[in-house]
Amino acid sequence: MSQVQGREAAAGEARPALTVDERAELDRLRQENEALRARPRPPGRRRVRWRSVVAAVLLVLGCALAPVALVAVWTRSQLSDTDSFVATVEPLARDPEVQQAVTNRVTATIFEHVDVQSLADEAVTALGAQGLPPPLVDRLHGLTPTISAATTNFVRDKVGELVASPQFAAAWDQAVRVAHQRAVIVLSGQGRAVVRGDTVYLDLGPFIDVAKQRLSAEGLTVVDRIPEVHPTIPLFPADNLVRAQTAYAALGTFATVLPWIVLLLLAVGVYLAKARMRAVVAAGLGVALALLVLAAGLLVARSLFVGAVPPAGAPAAASAFDIIVSSLRAAGRSLLVLALVVALGAFLAGSSPTAVGIRRWVSGLLGRIRVGSWTGPVGPWVGEHLRGLRIAAVALAALWFVLLDHPTGVTIVIIAAVLLVVLGLIEVLGRAGAAGGPAAGAATGA
């Protein structure tokens, strides 16, 4: 103890004493330090995470443009693809209102070229010239209006049967196809002859030909006198053809580029995001929400369209609107399901407590599955290539979806379910291989 005190005393003696100036400088520094500590700190500048802000902006733009891209692609398909347009409007031929309008128009066209009453009067006059008594001739002349009306009703009934037959559907497809092809020629600037008076017309010539064949087969051979005619029904105005052609060309480019722009915005937004899985979830839910807004917009447009026509034509207008936008609605539903499936998959792969708990629960269920030794060398091989097999399974599911011509929501759900089953099987085999590896090694060593 005395030795320690001796060393402290020696150390104290060796330390030089502070001079008066040094002591004053030390006191000044202490006072400044205390003043700085007592002074309130200015609020620190918040560090702006520009990367997160840019990611959020890109994701919002991508989600907002997704339904716009869908409508652009659908419109381009309807305007430029004749087969797609014919498939869209084909159900209109089965609509009763449309059938009635076409029946009236075709019947009127037939009797514009065949005057039944004049033919009947000529026949009665010819009989009178052959010696038929004049009173009988006069009575027969009085019956010619009745004969004309009966013939008109007969022709109308037969044309109505034709309109309700498969032959009418085929003629309808042919007429619509020709009209659409000619409209595309006009809009693309390759032809001018189909526009008459700034209006695009539907050619009813195919209907007349089929009606002549049907009536001639029924015994009314007088229709064979009808020459080749092409009555028309106006489809839509073309009062500003140059602007329509410019819009048509712009739509083609817009519909081709915009979907890739949407995908690029979403991909870059996810890449720049700090929490990428959460960004994928947000992108999926955002696209789904935008598609729901599009569906609501279609309902509003349908209401406005039906309200703009007379009440008598409202049912036909509603039916026509539903038929025309049916393919757009189907595509929207498919994209909605795809967005929800992607969001759900990203959520389950994320780091939230709920996702982690679900993965642990599923892992526990898979761990209870006993596959035994029947896997042979497959189990260890799967265990060694577990990550690559997972990536390959997801890639094959994506390729399956891409190769489908018209994927539906049900198809997307089936693809997702099959992918989950395959991933579960890979996980089970990988666990079996990992569990059997050490045991097999021990058995070999023994």
Protein backbone atom coordinates (compact mmCIF):
# COMPACT_ATOMS: atom_id res chain seq x y z
CA MET A 1 0.00 0.00 0.00
CA SER A 2 2.81 2.38 0.91
CA GLN A 3 4.54 1.57 -2.39
CA VAL A 4 1.45 2.60 -4.38
CA GLN A 5 1.12 5.85 -2.47
CA GLY A 6 4.77 6.47 -3.08
CA ARG A 7 4.37 6.04 -6.84
CA GLU A 8 1.34 8.40 -6.90
CA ALA A 9 3.28 10.98 -4.96
CA ALA A 10 6.19 10.68 -7.35
CA ALA A 11 3.88 11.05 -10.32
CA GLY A 12 2.24 14.08 -8.78
CA GLU A 13 5.58 15.65 -8.15
CA ALA A 14 6.69 14.98 -11.71
CA ARG A 15 3.59 16.70 -13.25
CA PRO A 16 4.40 20.38 -13.95
CA ALA A 17 2.08 22.99 -12.54
CA LEU A 18 -0.03 25.15 -14.93
CA THR A 19 0.96 28.71 -15.36
CA VAL A 20 -1.47 31.54 -14.85
CA ASP A 21 -1.98 32.01 -18.60
CA GLU A 22 -2.50 28.30 -19.18
CA ARG A 23 -4.99 28.15 -16.34
CA ALA A 24 -6.90 31.09 -17.80
CA GLU A 25 -6.92 29.50 -21.30
CA LEU A 26 -8.22 26.26 -19.83
CA ASP A 27 -11.04 28.06 -18.02
CA ARG A 28 -11.95 29.91 -21.21
CA LEU A 29 -12.15 26.71 -23.23
CA ARG A 30 -14.27 25.07 -20.57
CA GLN A 31 -16.70 28.00 -20.62
CA GLU A 32 -16.96 27.90 -24.41
CA ASN A 33 -17.59 24.18 -24.29
CA GLU A 34 -20.37 24.61 -21.75
CA ALA A 35 -21.89 27.44 -23.81
CA LEU A 36 -21.89 25.30 -26.94
CA ARG A 37 -23.53 22.44 -25.09
CA ALA A 38 -26.19 24.73 -23.66
CA ARG A 39 -26.98 26.31 -27.06
CA PRO A 40 -29.99 24.60 -28.77
CA ARG A 41 -29.00 22.65 -31.82
CA PRO A 42 -30.46 23.81 -35.15
CA PRO A 43 -32.79 21.35 -36.76
CA GLY A 44 -30.79 19.05 -38.95
CA ARG A 45 -31.55 18.94 -42.60
CA ARG A 46 -33.62 15.94 -43.56
CA ARG A 47 -31.84 13.84 -46.06
CA VAL A 48 -34.00 13.60 -49.13
CA ARG A 49 -34.00 10.10 -50.57
CA TRP A 50 -34.14 11.06 -54.24
CA ARG A 51 -33.89 7.43 -55.26
CA SER A 52 -37.04 6.51 -53.34
CA VAL A 53 -38.88 9.57 -54.69
CA VAL A 54 -37.99 8.71 -58.29
CA ALA A 55 -39.02 5.09 -57.71
CA ALA A 56 -42.40 6.17 -56.35
CA VAL A 57 -43.00 8.53 -59.28
CA LEU A 58 -42.11 5.83 -61.81
CA LEU A 59 -44.39 3.28 -60.15
CA VAL A 60 -47.32 5.72 -60.08
CA LEU A 61 -46.81 6.58 -63.75
CA GLY A 62 -46.57 2.92 -64.71
CA CYS A 63 -49.74 2.02 -62.84
CA ALA A 64 -51.64 4.99 -64.28
CA LEU A 65 -50.58 4.21 -67.85
CA ALA A 66 -51.37 0.49 -67.64
CA PRO A 67 -55.11 0.82 -68.49
CA VAL A 68 -54.26 3.44 -71.13
CA ALA A 69 -51.93 0.95 -72.79
CA LEU A 70 -54.61 -1.73 -72.62
CA VAL A 71 -57.19 0.50 -74.29
CA ALA A 72 -54.67 1.57 -76.94
CA VAL A 73 -53.77 -2.01 -77.82
CA TRP A 74 -57.44 -3.04 -77.92
CA THR A 75 -58.38 -0.08 -80.12
CA ARG A 76 -55.50 -0.75 -82.50
CA SER A 77 -56.56 -4.39 -82.70
CA GLN A 78 -60.15 -3.46 -83.52
CA LEU A 79 -59.16 -0.88 -86.13
CA SER A 80 -56.33 -2.65 -87.91
CA ASP A 81 -57.05 -6.37 -87.42
CA THR A 82 -60.03 -7.36 -89.55
CA ASP A 83 -60.30 -10.84 -88.04
CA SER A 84 -60.41 -9.41 -84.53
CA PHE A 85 -63.04 -6.85 -85.50
CA VAL A 86 -65.22 -9.46 -87.22
CA ALA A 87 -64.99 -11.70 -84.15
CA THR A 88 -66.07 -8.76 -81.99
CA VAL A 89 -69.13 -7.71 -83.99
CA GLU A 90 -70.17 -11.22 -85.02
CA PRO A 91 -72.69 -11.55 -82.13
CA LEU A 92 -74.53 -8.49 -83.43
CA ALA A 93 -75.97 -10.66 -86.21
CA ARG A 94 -77.95 -12.57 -83.57
CA ASP A 95 -79.46 -9.45 -82.03
CA PRO A 96 -83.24 -9.23 -82.76
CA GLU A 97 -83.15 -5.46 -83.31
CA VAL A 98 -80.37 -5.75 -85.86
CA GLN A 99 -82.10 -8.64 -87.60
CA GLN A 100 -85.33 -6.64 -87.90
CA ALA A 101 -83.53 -3.64 -89.38
CA VAL A 102 -81.68 -5.75 -91.94
CA THR A 103 -84.88 -7.65 -92.84
CA ASN A 104 -86.71 -4.39 -93.58
CA ARG A 105 -83.81 -3.00 -95.60
CA VAL A 106 -83.30 -6.15 -97.71
CA THR A 107 -87.05 -6.53 -98.36
CA ALA A 108 -87.34 -2.92 -99.47
CA THR A 109 -84.37 -3.35 -101.80
CA ILE A 110 -85.90 -6.43 -103.42
CA PHE A 111 -89.20 -4.69 -104.17
CA GLU A 112 -87.40 -1.66 -105.56
CA HIS A 113 -86.44 -3.90 -108.50
CA VAL A 114 -89.44 -6.23 -108.57
CA ASP A 115 -92.88 -4.56 -108.85
CA VAL A 116 -95.17 -7.47 -108.04
CA GLN A 117 -98.40 -5.55 -108.62
CA SER A 118 -97.29 -4.41 -112.10
CA LEU A 119 -96.30 -7.95 -113.00
CA ALA A 120 -99.67 -9.25 -111.79
CA ASP A 121 -101.54 -6.57 -113.77
CA GLU A 122 -99.55 -7.48 -116.88
CA ALA A 123 -100.38 -11.14 -116.40
CA VAL A 124 -104.13 -10.41 -116.00
CA THR A 125 -104.08 -8.16 -119.09
CA ALA A 126 -102.38 -10.93 -121.05
CA LEU A 127 -105.12 -13.36 -119.94
CA GLY A 128 -107.75 -10.87 -121.11
CA ALA A 129 -106.07 -10.70 -124.48
CA GLN A 130 -106.27 -14.46 -124.65
CA GLY A 131 -110.08 -14.32 -124.35
CA LEU A 132 -110.70 -14.20 -120.60
CA PRO A 133 -114.11 -12.55 -119.95
CA PRO A 134 -113.82 -8.84 -119.08
CA PRO A 135 -115.72 -9.13 -115.75
CA LEU A 136 -113.27 -11.76 -114.60
CA VAL A 137 -110.37 -9.64 -115.81
CA ASP A 138 -111.65 -6.69 -113.81
CA ARG A 139 -112.05 -8.85 -110.72
CA LEU A 140 -108.52 -10.18 -111.11
CA HIS A 141 -107.17 -6.66 -111.49
CA GLY A 142 -108.85 -5.83 -108.20
CA LEU A 143 -106.98 -8.70 -106.57
CA THR A 144 -103.50 -7.59 -107.66
CA PRO A 145 -102.95 -5.30 -104.62
CA THR A 146 -103.80 -8.23 -102.38
CA ILE A 147 -101.44 -10.43 -104.34
CA SER A 148 -98.70 -7.78 -104.02
CA ALA A 149 -99.23 -7.47 -100.25
CA ALA A 150 -99.24 -11.24 -99.81
CA THR A 151 -96.06 -11.52 -101.85
CA THR A 152 -94.43 -8.78 -99.78
CA ASN A 153 -95.33 -10.59 -96.56
CA PHE A 154 -94.08 -13.86 -98.01
CA VAL A 155 -90.77 -12.29 -99.02
CA ARG A 156 -90.44 -10.55 -95.65
CA ASP A 157 -91.02 -13.82 -93.79
CA LYS A 158 -88.50 -15.65 -95.91
CA VAL A 159 -85.94 -12.90 -95.52
CA GLY A 160 -86.58 -12.96 -91.76
CA GLU A 161 -85.92 -16.70 -91.73
CA LEU A 162 -82.76 -16.07 -93.70
CA VAL A 163 -81.59 -13.38 -91.30
CA ALA A 164 -82.03 -15.82 -88.40
CA SER A 165 -80.14 -18.59 -90.24
CA PRO A 166 -76.41 -19.44 -90.34
CA GLN A 167 -76.32 -18.21 -93.93
CA PHE A 168 -77.11 -14.72 -92.70
CA ALA A 169 -74.32 -14.91 -90.12
CA ALA A 170 -71.87 -15.90 -92.86
CA ALA A 171 -73.11 -13.07 -95.11
CA TRP A 172 -72.89 -10.65 -92.18
CA ASP A 173 -69.28 -11.66 -91.54
CA GLN A 174 -68.45 -11.22 -95.21
CA ALA A 175 -70.06 -7.78 -95.42
CA VAL A 176 -68.44 -6.57 -92.20
CA ARG A 177 -65.09 -7.98 -93.31
CA VAL A 178 -65.25 -6.17 -96.65
CA ALA A 179 -66.35 -2.90 -95.02
CA HIS A 180 -63.58 -3.13 -92.42
CA GLN A 181 -60.94 -3.94 -95.00
CA ARG A 182 -62.01 -0.98 -97.09
CA ALA A 183 -62.03 1.27 -94.02
CA VAL A 184 -58.50 0.15 -93.15
CA ILE A 185 -57.44 0.90 -96.72
CA VAL A 186 -58.89 4.39 -96.42
CA LEU A 187 -57.39 5.07 -92.98
CA SER A 188 -53.98 3.78 -94.03
CA GLY A 189 -54.05 6.03 -97.10
CA GLN A 190 -53.98 3.16 -99.60
CA GLY A 191 -57.34 3.84 -101.22
CA ARG A 192 -60.07 6.47 -101.65
CA ALA A 193 -62.96 4.84 -103.48
CA VAL A 194 -64.87 3.55 -100.44
CA VAL A 195 -65.63 7.01 -99.04
CA ARG A 196 -68.70 8.54 -100.62
CA GLY A 197 -69.90 11.89 -99.40
CA ASP A 198 -67.54 11.78 -96.41
CA THR A 199 -69.25 8.63 -95.16
CA VAL A 200 -68.13 5.01 -94.88
CA TYR A 201 -70.86 2.56 -95.93
CA LEU A 202 -71.66 -1.10 -95.28
CA ASP A 203 -72.28 -2.98 -98.54
CA LEU A 204 -75.43 -5.14 -98.39
CA GLY A 205 -74.67 -6.84 -101.72
CA PRO A 206 -73.82 -10.19 -100.09
CA PHE A 207 -77.18 -10.17 -98.27
CA ILE A 208 -79.04 -9.57 -101.52
CA ASP A 209 -77.26 -12.45 -103.25
CA VAL A 210 -78.04 -14.90 -100.45
CA ALA A 211 -81.66 -13.70 -100.28
CA LYS A 212 -82.06 -14.20 -104.06
CA GLN A 213 -80.76 -17.75 -103.78
CA ARG A 214 -83.09 -18.58 -100.89
CA LEU A 215 -86.19 -17.07 -102.55
CA SER A 216 -85.45 -18.74 -105.88
CA ALA A 217 -85.13 -22.08 -104.10
CA GLU A 218 -88.54 -21.46 -102.50
CA GLY A 219 -90.11 -21.10 -105.99
CA LEU A 220 -90.11 -17.33 -106.36
CA THR A 221 -87.95 -17.39 -109.49
CA VAL A 222 -88.90 -13.85 -110.41
CA VAL A 223 -86.12 -12.64 -108.13
CA ASP A 224 -83.66 -13.94 -110.69
CA ARG A 225 -84.43 -10.79 -112.65
CA ILE A 226 -82.81 -8.68 -109.96
CA PRO A 227 -79.45 -7.43 -111.27
CA GLU A 228 -76.32 -7.31 -109.17
CA VAL A 229 -76.95 -4.46 -106.75
CA HIS A 230 -75.04 -3.05 -103.81
CA PRO A 231 -77.33 -1.16 -101.44
CA THR A 232 -75.50 0.38 -98.55
CA ILE A 233 -76.01 1.36 -94.94
CA PRO A 234 -73.98 4.31 -93.60
CA LEU A 235 -71.58 3.22 -90.84
CA PHE A 236 -69.78 6.32 -89.65
CA PRO A 237 -68.88 9.78 -90.94
CA ALA A 238 -65.46 10.46 -92.41
CA ASP A 239 -65.69 14.23 -92.66
CA ASN A 240 -62.04 14.74 -91.77
CA LEU A 241 -60.21 11.94 -93.48
CA VAL A 242 -56.73 13.43 -93.17
CA ARG A 243 -57.05 13.78 -89.41
CA ALA A 244 -58.43 10.25 -89.15
CA GLN A 245 -55.51 8.88 -91.14
CA THR A 246 -53.03 10.76 -88.94
CA ALA A 247 -54.71 9.47 -85.80
CA TYR A 248 -54.71 5.94 -87.20
CA ALA A 249 -50.96 6.05 -87.85
CA ALA A 250 -50.27 7.60 -84.44
CA LEU A 251 -52.41 4.97 -82.73
CA GLY A 252 -50.39 2.18 -84.34
CA THR A 253 -47.14 3.60 -82.97
CA PHE A 254 -48.68 4.50 -79.61
CA ALA A 255 -50.16 1.02 -79.07
CA THR A 256 -46.85 -0.62 -79.96
CA VAL A 257 -44.60 1.51 -77.74
CA LEU A 258 -46.79 2.28 -74.72
CA PRO A 259 -46.95 -1.27 -73.22
CA TRP A 260 -43.14 -1.44 -73.22
CA ILE A 261 -42.95 1.99 -71.64
CA VAL A 262 -45.28 0.82 -68.86
CA LEU A 263 -43.16 -2.28 -68.24
CA LEU A 264 -39.98 -0.18 -68.24
CA LEU A 265 -41.43 2.33 -65.76
CA LEU A 266 -42.51 -0.41 -63.38
CA ALA A 267 -39.23 -2.33 -63.70
CA VAL A 268 -37.04 0.74 -63.09
CA GLY A 269 -39.28 1.85 -60.24
CA VAL A 270 -38.92 -1.53 -58.54
CA TYR A 271 -35.15 -1.51 -59.14
CA LEU A 272 -34.69 1.93 -57.57
CA ALA A 273 -36.91 1.19 -54.58
CA LYS A 274 -35.22 0.49 -51.28
CA ALA A 275 -37.64 -2.33 -50.41
CA ARG A 276 -38.09 -4.02 -53.76
CA MET A 277 -40.59 -6.66 -52.70
CA ARG A 278 -42.82 -3.97 -51.23
CA ALA A 279 -42.44 -2.05 -54.48
CA VAL A 280 -43.60 -5.09 -56.47
CA VAL A 281 -46.61 -5.41 -54.16
CA ALA A 282 -47.39 -1.72 -54.62
CA ALA A 283 -47.04 -2.01 -58.40
CA GLY A 284 -49.37 -5.00 -58.57
CA LEU A 285 -52.01 -3.39 -56.38
CA GLY A 286 -51.64 -0.09 -58.25
CA VAL A 287 -52.23 -1.73 -61.62
CA ALA A 288 -55.22 -3.60 -60.23
CA LEU A 289 -56.68 -0.37 -58.86
CA ALA A 290 -56.17 1.40 -62.20
CA LEU A 291 -57.96 -1.43 -64.01
CA LEU A 292 -60.89 -1.16 -61.61
CA VAL A 293 -61.09 2.54 -62.45
CA LEU A 294 -61.15 1.57 -66.14
CA ALA A 295 -64.01 -0.86 -65.50
CA ALA A 296 -65.96 1.88 -63.74
CA GLY A 297 -65.28 4.21 -66.67
CA LEU A 298 -66.72 1.65 -69.08
CA LEU A 299 -69.89 1.48 -67.01
CA VAL A 300 -70.22 5.26 -67.12
CA ALA A 301 -69.58 5.28 -70.88
CA ARG A 302 -72.23 2.58 -71.34
CA SER A 303 -74.77 4.64 -69.42
CA LEU A 304 -74.02 7.75 -71.48
CA PHE A 305 -74.16 5.81 -74.75
CA VAL A 306 -77.49 4.17 -73.96
CA GLY A 307 -78.94 7.45 -72.71
CA ALA A 308 -78.05 9.21 -75.96
CA VAL A 309 -80.32 7.00 -78.12
CA PRO A 310 -84.13 6.95 -78.22
CA PRO A 311 -85.81 4.75 -75.59
CA ALA A 312 -86.97 2.29 -78.23
CA GLY A 313 -83.39 1.63 -79.30
CA ALA A 314 -81.90 1.56 -75.80
CA PRO A 315 -81.90 -2.26 -75.42
CA ALA A 316 -80.21 -2.72 -78.79
CA ALA A 317 -77.68 0.02 -77.98
CA ALA A 318 -76.86 -1.57 -74.62
CA SER A 319 -76.45 -4.97 -76.24
CA ALA A 320 -74.25 -3.55 -78.98
CA PHE A 321 -72.03 -1.72 -76.45
CA ASP A 322 -71.61 -4.84 -74.32
CA ILE A 323 -70.73 -6.94 -77.37
CA ILE A 324 -68.20 -4.46 -78.73
CA VAL A 325 -66.31 -3.95 -75.44
CA SER A 326 -66.54 -7.60 -74.34
CA SER A 327 -62.99 -8.36 -75.49
CA LEU A 328 -61.68 -5.24 -73.71
CA ARG A 329 -63.37 -6.29 -70.50
CA ALA A 330 -61.98 -9.83 -70.82
CA ALA A 331 -58.45 -8.49 -71.33
CA GLY A 332 -58.89 -6.16 -68.36
CA ARG A 333 -60.01 -9.01 -66.11
CA SER A 334 -57.03 -11.13 -67.16
CA LEU A 335 -54.59 -8.30 -66.47
CA LEU A 336 -56.29 -7.63 -63.12
CA VAL A 337 -55.86 -11.24 -62.02
CA LEU A 338 -52.23 -11.21 -63.18
CA ALA A 339 -51.52 -8.05 -61.19
CA LEU A 340 -53.09 -9.51 -58.04
CA VAL A 341 -51.18 -12.79 -58.44
CA VAL A 342 -47.88 -10.89 -58.80
CA ALA A 343 -48.69 -8.73 -55.77
CA LEU A 344 -49.58 -11.78 -53.70
CA GLY A 345 -46.41 -13.61 -54.72
CA ALA A 346 -44.24 -10.60 -53.87
CA PHE A 347 -45.99 -10.20 -50.52
CA LEU A 348 -45.39 -13.83 -49.58
CA ALA A 349 -41.74 -13.53 -50.60
CA GLY A 350 -41.27 -10.33 -48.58
CA SER A 351 -39.95 -9.72 -45.08
CA SER A 352 -43.14 -8.68 -43.32
CA PRO A 353 -44.03 -10.59 -40.14
CA THR A 354 -47.14 -12.01 -41.79
CA ALA A 355 -45.20 -13.28 -44.82
CA VAL A 356 -42.47 -14.74 -42.61
CA GLY A 357 -45.09 -16.48 -40.47
CA ILE A 358 -46.82 -17.96 -43.52
CA ARG A 359 -43.52 -19.23 -44.91
CA ARG A 360 -42.63 -20.81 -41.58
CA TRP A 361 -46.04 -22.47 -41.41
CA VAL A 362 -45.70 -23.85 -44.94
CA SER A 363 -42.14 -24.93 -44.20
CA GLY A 364 -43.39 -26.79 -41.14
CA LEU A 365 -46.03 -28.56 -43.19
CA LEU A 366 -43.49 -29.57 -45.81
CA GLY A 367 -41.12 -30.73 -43.09
CA ARG A 368 -43.73 -33.20 -41.85
CA ILE A 369 -43.90 -34.93 -45.22
CA ARG A 370 -41.92 -38.15 -45.18
CA VAL A 371 -40.67 -39.11 -48.59
CA GLY A 372 -38.46 -41.95 -47.43
CA SER A 373 -35.60 -43.27 -49.54
CA TRP A 374 -37.59 -43.66 -52.75
CA THR A 375 -36.14 -40.46 -54.18
CA GLY A 376 -32.81 -42.18 -54.79
CA PRO A 377 -30.24 -39.84 -56.34
CA VAL A 378 -32.95 -37.34 -57.29
CA GLY A 379 -33.30 -35.92 -53.78
CA PRO A 380 -29.61 -35.03 -53.28
CA TRP A 381 -29.43 -33.58 -56.81
CA VAL A 382 -32.47 -31.39 -56.17
CA GLY A 383 -30.96 -30.30 -52.87
CA GLU A 384 -27.78 -29.19 -54.62
CA HIS A 385 -29.65 -27.28 -57.36
CA LEU A 386 -32.52 -25.94 -55.29
CA ARG A 387 -32.12 -22.28 -56.24
CA GLY A 388 -31.71 -22.98 -59.95
CA LEU A 389 -34.78 -25.23 -60.01
CA ARG A 390 -36.90 -22.56 -58.34
CA ILE A 391 -35.82 -19.98 -60.91
CA ALA A 392 -36.46 -22.44 -63.74
CA ALA A 393 -39.97 -23.20 -62.44
CA VAL A 394 -40.86 -19.50 -62.29
CA ALA A 395 -39.38 -18.92 -65.76
CA LEU A 396 -41.36 -21.81 -67.26
CA ALA A 397 -44.58 -20.49 -65.70
CA ALA A 398 -43.89 -17.05 -67.19
CA LEU A 399 -43.14 -18.62 -70.59
CA TRP A 400 -46.39 -20.59 -70.39
CA PHE A 401 -48.29 -17.37 -69.82
CA VAL A 402 -46.51 -15.52 -72.64
CA LEU A 403 -47.20 -18.27 -75.19
CA LEU A 404 -50.95 -18.20 -74.59
CA ASP A 405 -52.89 -16.40 -77.32
CA HIS A 406 -55.72 -15.14 -75.12
CA PRO A 407 -54.95 -15.79 -71.43
CA THR A 408 -57.92 -15.47 -69.11
CA GLY A 409 -58.13 -14.92 -65.39
CA VAL A 410 -58.87 -18.60 -64.83
CA THR A 411 -55.83 -19.57 -66.89
CA ILE A 412 -53.60 -17.28 -64.83
CA VAL A 413 -54.90 -18.77 -61.58
CA ILE A 414 -54.26 -22.28 -62.93
CA ILE A 415 -50.68 -21.34 -63.90
CA ALA A 416 -50.08 -19.88 -60.42
CA ALA A 417 -51.51 -23.00 -58.74
CA VAL A 418 -49.36 -25.32 -60.87
CA LEU A 419 -46.30 -23.21 -60.06
CA LEU A 420 -47.00 -23.48 -56.32
CA VAL A 421 -47.35 -27.25 -56.58
CA VAL A 422 -44.08 -27.53 -58.51
CA LEU A 423 -42.26 -25.30 -56.02
CA GLY A 424 -43.64 -27.38 -53.15
CA LEU A 425 -42.46 -30.60 -54.81
CA ILE A 426 -39.01 -29.11 -55.35
CA GLU A 427 -38.88 -28.07 -51.70
CA VAL A 428 -39.90 -31.55 -50.49
CA LEU A 429 -37.35 -33.29 -52.67
CA GLY A 430 -34.66 -30.81 -51.66
CA ARG A 431 -35.36 -31.38 -47.98
CA ALA A 432 -35.28 -35.15 -48.51
CA GLY A 433 -31.92 -34.87 -50.27
CA ALA A 434 -30.49 -32.65 -47.55
CA ALA A 435 -31.70 -35.02 -44.83
CA GLY A 436 -30.50 -38.13 -46.63
CA GLY A 437 -27.08 -36.74 -47.53
CA PRO A 438 -25.44 -36.94 -44.09
CA ALA A 439 -27.09 -40.27 -43.36
CA ALA A 440 -25.91 -41.71 -46.61
CA GLY A 441 -22.42 -40.38 -46.00
CA ALA A 442 -22.34 -41.94 -42.56
CA ALA A 443 -23.52 -45.27 -43.94
CA THR A 444 -20.82 -45.17 -46.60
CA GLY A 445 -18.15 -44.35 -44.06
CA ALA A 446 -19.29 -47.25 -41.85
